Amino acid sequence: MDELHEPKSEALRALFWRDEILQLMFWVKGEGFGDAVDAKLLERFLGVRAEVGLTYLDRLVAESLIERDAESRYLLTARGHEQGARVFAAEFAELTQPAHGECGPDCWCHMSADEAEACLAERSGS
């Protein structure tokens, strides 16, 4: 993984780490690796030193985007989950779009096998 290059100004650095942390937490939860993260996980996946990661985690708690549990792990709030999903979707938008010639998510071909067959025939010119 390429090393992340954080911005130089404190305000931009805070926004940068907020997005990176929320995106990571959303991904961890979505992949079924658990609902909670700690500073060591941030260090492993994002390359930010644990003590620095804790500073940003605490800021996210203050913003009500995450909450700390009794074991000092951090969980997404509903608002944090929503923000993490947005950041994740924006980051991977190019990879989740239909390929050239592929139907979009609202195409009828997703509704039935007959429609899928007709759609494929139409797209292939048969």
Foldseek 3Di string as FASTA:
>chain_A
DDADDADDDPVRNLVVLLQVVLLVQLVCVVVPVDFWAALVVCCVPHVDHSVVNVVSQVVCVVVQQWHADPVRTIGGDPNSNVSNVVSNCVVCVVVPADDVLDDGPPQCLVVDVVSVVVSVCVSVVD
